[in-house]
Amino acid sequence: MMLNRLREATAELHKKLEGENLANKIMDHSISPEEYKLLLYQNFIAYSAVERNLIEFIPGQTRDKSNRLKQDLSKMGVNDLDESIFKFRCENEAEAIGAAYVIEGSAMGGMIIGKEVENCSSLKHLPRQTFFTGTRESMKGWNEFLKFLRSREFSETEKELAANKARETFKLFEKAFNVEFSNC
């Protein structure tokens, strides 16, 4: 099954990435407004790079996540956003599935993080967030993606292409989480 292959191929990268970004400061409520803004920006440049490559290959795929990040950044006064910091390309449907697995799969973590944003005293002044919302609505894309995956069979070659692209996508997020505003 494609989903199991993707989970196995990325488990180590996923675990490593969870421990290496500013979202942990949301979870322990120590994040500053500037760090939160940077976290949104780092996510924006990664999601933007990936999402624009998926629309061509996956039915119903949109730029929803990068658009919501853009809205939240705009509310914080960040409007001049460069969407082309990272080069990322999907060459076929299997690669797009691997990349989509990473960004759609992030919904569960994003929902948990979103529930903690409102518990961060330094972020209480922010208007309602559209990316880290803490609502089940954020799971809609993941559920649609799972339905899409379960609707068909994949060859071993397709599974390998998807797994490789999923790993590459996690590495893109890792690079994004090392970007500072001064690097932009």
Protein backbone atom coordinates (compact mmCIF):
# COMPACT_ATOMS: atom_id res chain seq x y z
CA MET A 1 0.00 0.00 0.00
CA MET A 2 1.31 3.43 -0.97
CA LEU A 3 0.52 5.04 2.40
CA ASN A 4 2.55 2.48 4.35
CA ARG A 5 5.48 2.89 1.97
CA LEU A 6 5.45 6.66 2.42
CA ARG A 7 5.24 6.40 6.23
CA GLU A 8 8.14 3.94 6.38
CA ALA A 9 10.28 5.95 3.96
CA THR A 10 9.90 9.19 5.90
CA ALA A 11 9.55 8.15 9.54
CA GLU A 12 13.09 9.13 10.52
CA LEU A 13 13.01 12.46 8.67
CA HIS A 14 9.59 13.25 10.08
CA LYS A 15 10.71 12.63 13.65
CA LYS A 16 13.88 14.68 13.16
CA LEU A 17 12.00 17.61 11.62
CA GLU A 18 9.43 17.71 14.43
CA GLY A 19 12.22 18.41 16.91
CA GLU A 20 13.96 21.08 14.85
CA ASN A 21 11.57 23.96 14.32
CA LEU A 22 9.98 26.87 16.11
CA ALA A 23 6.65 25.06 16.49
CA ASN A 24 8.08 23.49 19.65
CA LYS A 25 8.04 26.96 21.18
CA ILE A 26 4.31 27.12 20.53
CA MET A 27 3.86 23.80 22.28
CA ASP A 28 5.71 25.03 25.40
CA HIS A 29 4.18 28.54 25.07
CA SER A 30 7.57 30.28 24.91
CA ILE A 31 7.36 31.63 21.35
CA SER A 32 7.73 35.36 20.75
CA PRO A 33 5.70 37.22 18.11
CA GLU A 34 8.85 37.58 15.96
CA GLU A 35 9.58 33.85 16.20
CA TYR A 36 5.97 33.08 15.28
CA LYS A 37 6.20 35.38 12.28
CA LEU A 38 9.40 33.60 11.23
CA LEU A 39 7.74 30.18 11.65
CA LEU A 40 4.86 31.29 9.43
CA TYR A 41 7.34 32.59 6.85
CA GLN A 42 9.41 29.42 6.90
CA ASN A 43 6.27 27.36 6.37
CA PHE A 44 5.10 29.71 3.62
CA ILE A 45 8.25 29.35 1.52
CA ALA A 46 8.16 25.56 1.83
CA TYR A 47 4.42 25.09 1.21
CA SER A 48 4.50 27.56 -1.66
CA ALA A 49 7.33 25.70 -3.39
CA VAL A 50 5.54 22.37 -3.06
CA GLU A 51 1.92 23.34 -3.67
CA ARG A 52 2.51 25.04 -6.98
CA ASN A 53 3.83 21.70 -8.30
CA LEU A 54 0.91 19.53 -7.23
CA ILE A 55 -2.01 21.15 -9.02
CA GLU A 56 -0.94 19.68 -12.36
CA PHE A 57 -0.92 16.09 -11.09
CA ILE A 58 -3.39 15.66 -8.21
CA PRO A 59 -7.12 16.28 -8.63
CA GLY A 60 -8.53 18.94 -6.32
CA GLN A 61 -5.12 20.11 -5.11
CA THR A 62 -4.94 23.85 -4.41
CA ARG A 63 -2.55 26.40 -2.95
CA ASP A 64 -4.72 26.55 0.15
CA LYS A 65 -1.98 26.23 2.76
CA SER A 66 0.39 28.79 1.27
CA ASN A 67 -2.54 31.18 0.75
CA ARG A 68 -3.59 30.85 4.41
CA LEU A 69 0.01 31.41 5.52
CA LYS A 70 0.16 34.49 3.28
CA GLN A 71 -3.01 35.84 4.95
CA ASP A 72 -1.60 35.32 8.44
CA LEU A 73 1.70 36.94 7.50
CA SER A 74 -0.15 39.90 5.97
CA LYS A 75 -2.03 40.39 9.25
CA MET A 76 1.40 40.61 10.92
CA GLY A 77 2.66 43.20 8.44
CA VAL A 78 4.67 40.87 6.18
CA ASN A 79 3.50 41.39 2.61
CA ASP A 80 6.54 41.26 0.35
CA LEU A 81 6.92 37.50 0.06
CA ASP A 82 9.31 35.74 -2.31
CA GLU A 83 7.70 32.44 -3.32
CA SER A 84 10.67 31.24 -5.34
CA ILE A 85 13.39 30.84 -2.71
CA PHE A 86 13.48 27.08 -3.23
CA LYS A 87 13.62 25.12 -6.44
CA PHE A 88 11.23 22.18 -6.26
CA ARG A 89 9.70 20.23 -9.10
CA CYS A 90 7.47 17.20 -9.46
CA GLU A 91 7.95 15.45 -12.78
CA ASN A 92 5.00 13.05 -12.59
CA GLU A 93 2.00 12.00 -10.56
CA ALA A 94 3.97 9.59 -8.34
CA GLU A 95 6.36 12.35 -7.26
CA ALA A 96 3.43 14.69 -6.64
CA ILE A 97 1.83 12.03 -4.43
CA GLY A 98 5.02 11.83 -2.35
CA ALA A 99 5.15 15.61 -1.95
CA ALA A 100 1.43 15.83 -1.18
CA TYR A 101 1.83 13.16 1.49
CA VAL A 102 4.15 15.50 3.38
CA ILE A 103 2.08 18.67 3.11
CA GLU A 104 -1.32 17.04 3.57
CA GLY A 105 0.00 14.85 6.37
CA SER A 106 1.14 17.93 8.25
CA ALA A 107 -2.50 18.75 8.95
CA MET A 108 -2.66 16.68 12.15
CA GLY A 109 0.40 18.36 13.63
CA GLY A 110 -0.84 21.73 12.46
CA MET A 111 -4.16 21.17 14.16
CA ILE A 112 -2.43 20.32 17.46
CA ILE A 113 -0.11 23.33 17.13
CA GLY A 114 -3.09 25.55 16.28
CA LYS A 115 -4.83 24.59 19.50
CA GLU A 116 -1.75 25.74 21.43
CA VAL A 117 -1.39 29.12 19.63
CA GLU A 118 -4.27 30.50 21.66
CA ASN A 119 -2.51 29.40 24.87
CA CYS A 120 0.62 31.45 24.07
CA SER A 121 0.34 34.70 26.00
CA SER A 122 2.72 36.44 23.59
CA LEU A 123 0.36 35.69 20.67
CA LYS A 124 -2.96 36.63 22.30
CA HIS A 125 -2.97 39.98 20.46
CA LEU A 126 -3.05 38.30 17.04
CA PRO A 127 -6.23 38.17 15.01
CA ARG A 128 -7.74 34.75 14.38
CA GLN A 129 -5.20 32.64 12.50
CA THR A 130 -6.06 30.90 9.23
CA PHE A 131 -3.15 28.43 9.03
CA PHE A 132 -2.66 27.22 12.60
CA THR A 133 -6.37 27.16 13.42
CA GLY A 134 -6.70 24.16 15.69
CA THR A 135 -9.90 23.10 13.94
CA ARG A 136 -10.81 19.77 12.37
CA GLU A 137 -11.47 21.64 9.11
CA SER A 138 -7.71 21.61 8.57
CA MET A 139 -7.92 17.82 8.18
CA LYS A 140 -10.13 18.01 5.09
CA GLY A 141 -7.22 17.96 2.62
CA TRP A 142 -5.62 14.98 4.37
CA ASN A 143 -8.88 13.02 4.29
CA GLU A 144 -9.34 13.77 0.57
CA PHE A 145 -5.75 12.74 -0.09
CA LEU A 146 -6.29 9.43 1.72
CA LYS A 147 -9.43 8.79 -0.32
CA PHE A 148 -7.44 9.47 -3.49
CA LEU A 149 -4.64 7.08 -2.42
CA ARG A 150 -7.10 4.32 -1.56
CA SER A 151 -8.90 4.65 -4.88
CA ARG A 152 -6.16 2.96 -6.86
CA GLU A 153 -3.22 0.61 -7.01
CA PHE A 154 0.37 1.73 -7.51
CA SER A 155 3.31 -0.06 -9.05
CA GLU A 156 6.54 -0.59 -7.13
CA THR A 157 8.19 2.03 -9.35
CA GLU A 158 5.48 4.56 -8.49
CA LYS A 159 5.84 3.78 -4.78
CA GLU A 160 9.60 4.29 -4.98
CA LEU A 161 9.25 7.58 -6.89
CA ALA A 162 6.71 8.81 -4.33
CA ALA A 163 8.87 7.75 -1.38
CA ASN A 164 11.92 9.53 -2.82
CA LYS A 165 9.95 12.72 -3.42
CA ALA A 166 8.43 12.57 0.09
CA ARG A 167 11.95 12.39 1.54
CA GLU A 168 13.01 15.30 -0.68
CA THR A 169 9.98 17.28 0.52
CA PHE A 170 10.87 16.71 4.17
CA LYS A 171 14.40 17.91 3.38
CA LEU A 172 12.95 21.04 1.75
CA PHE A 173 11.05 21.79 4.96
CA GLU A 174 14.24 21.20 6.92
CA LYS A 175 16.01 23.81 4.76
CA ALA A 176 13.08 26.20 5.16
CA PHE A 177 13.20 25.88 8.95
CA ASN A 178 16.78 27.15 8.80
CA VAL A 179 15.89 30.32 6.86
CA GLU A 180 16.02 33.57 8.80
CA PHE A 181 14.40 36.84 7.73
CA SER A 182 17.89 38.25 7.17
CA ASN A 183 18.49 35.51 4.56
CA CYS A 184 15.61 36.76 2.48
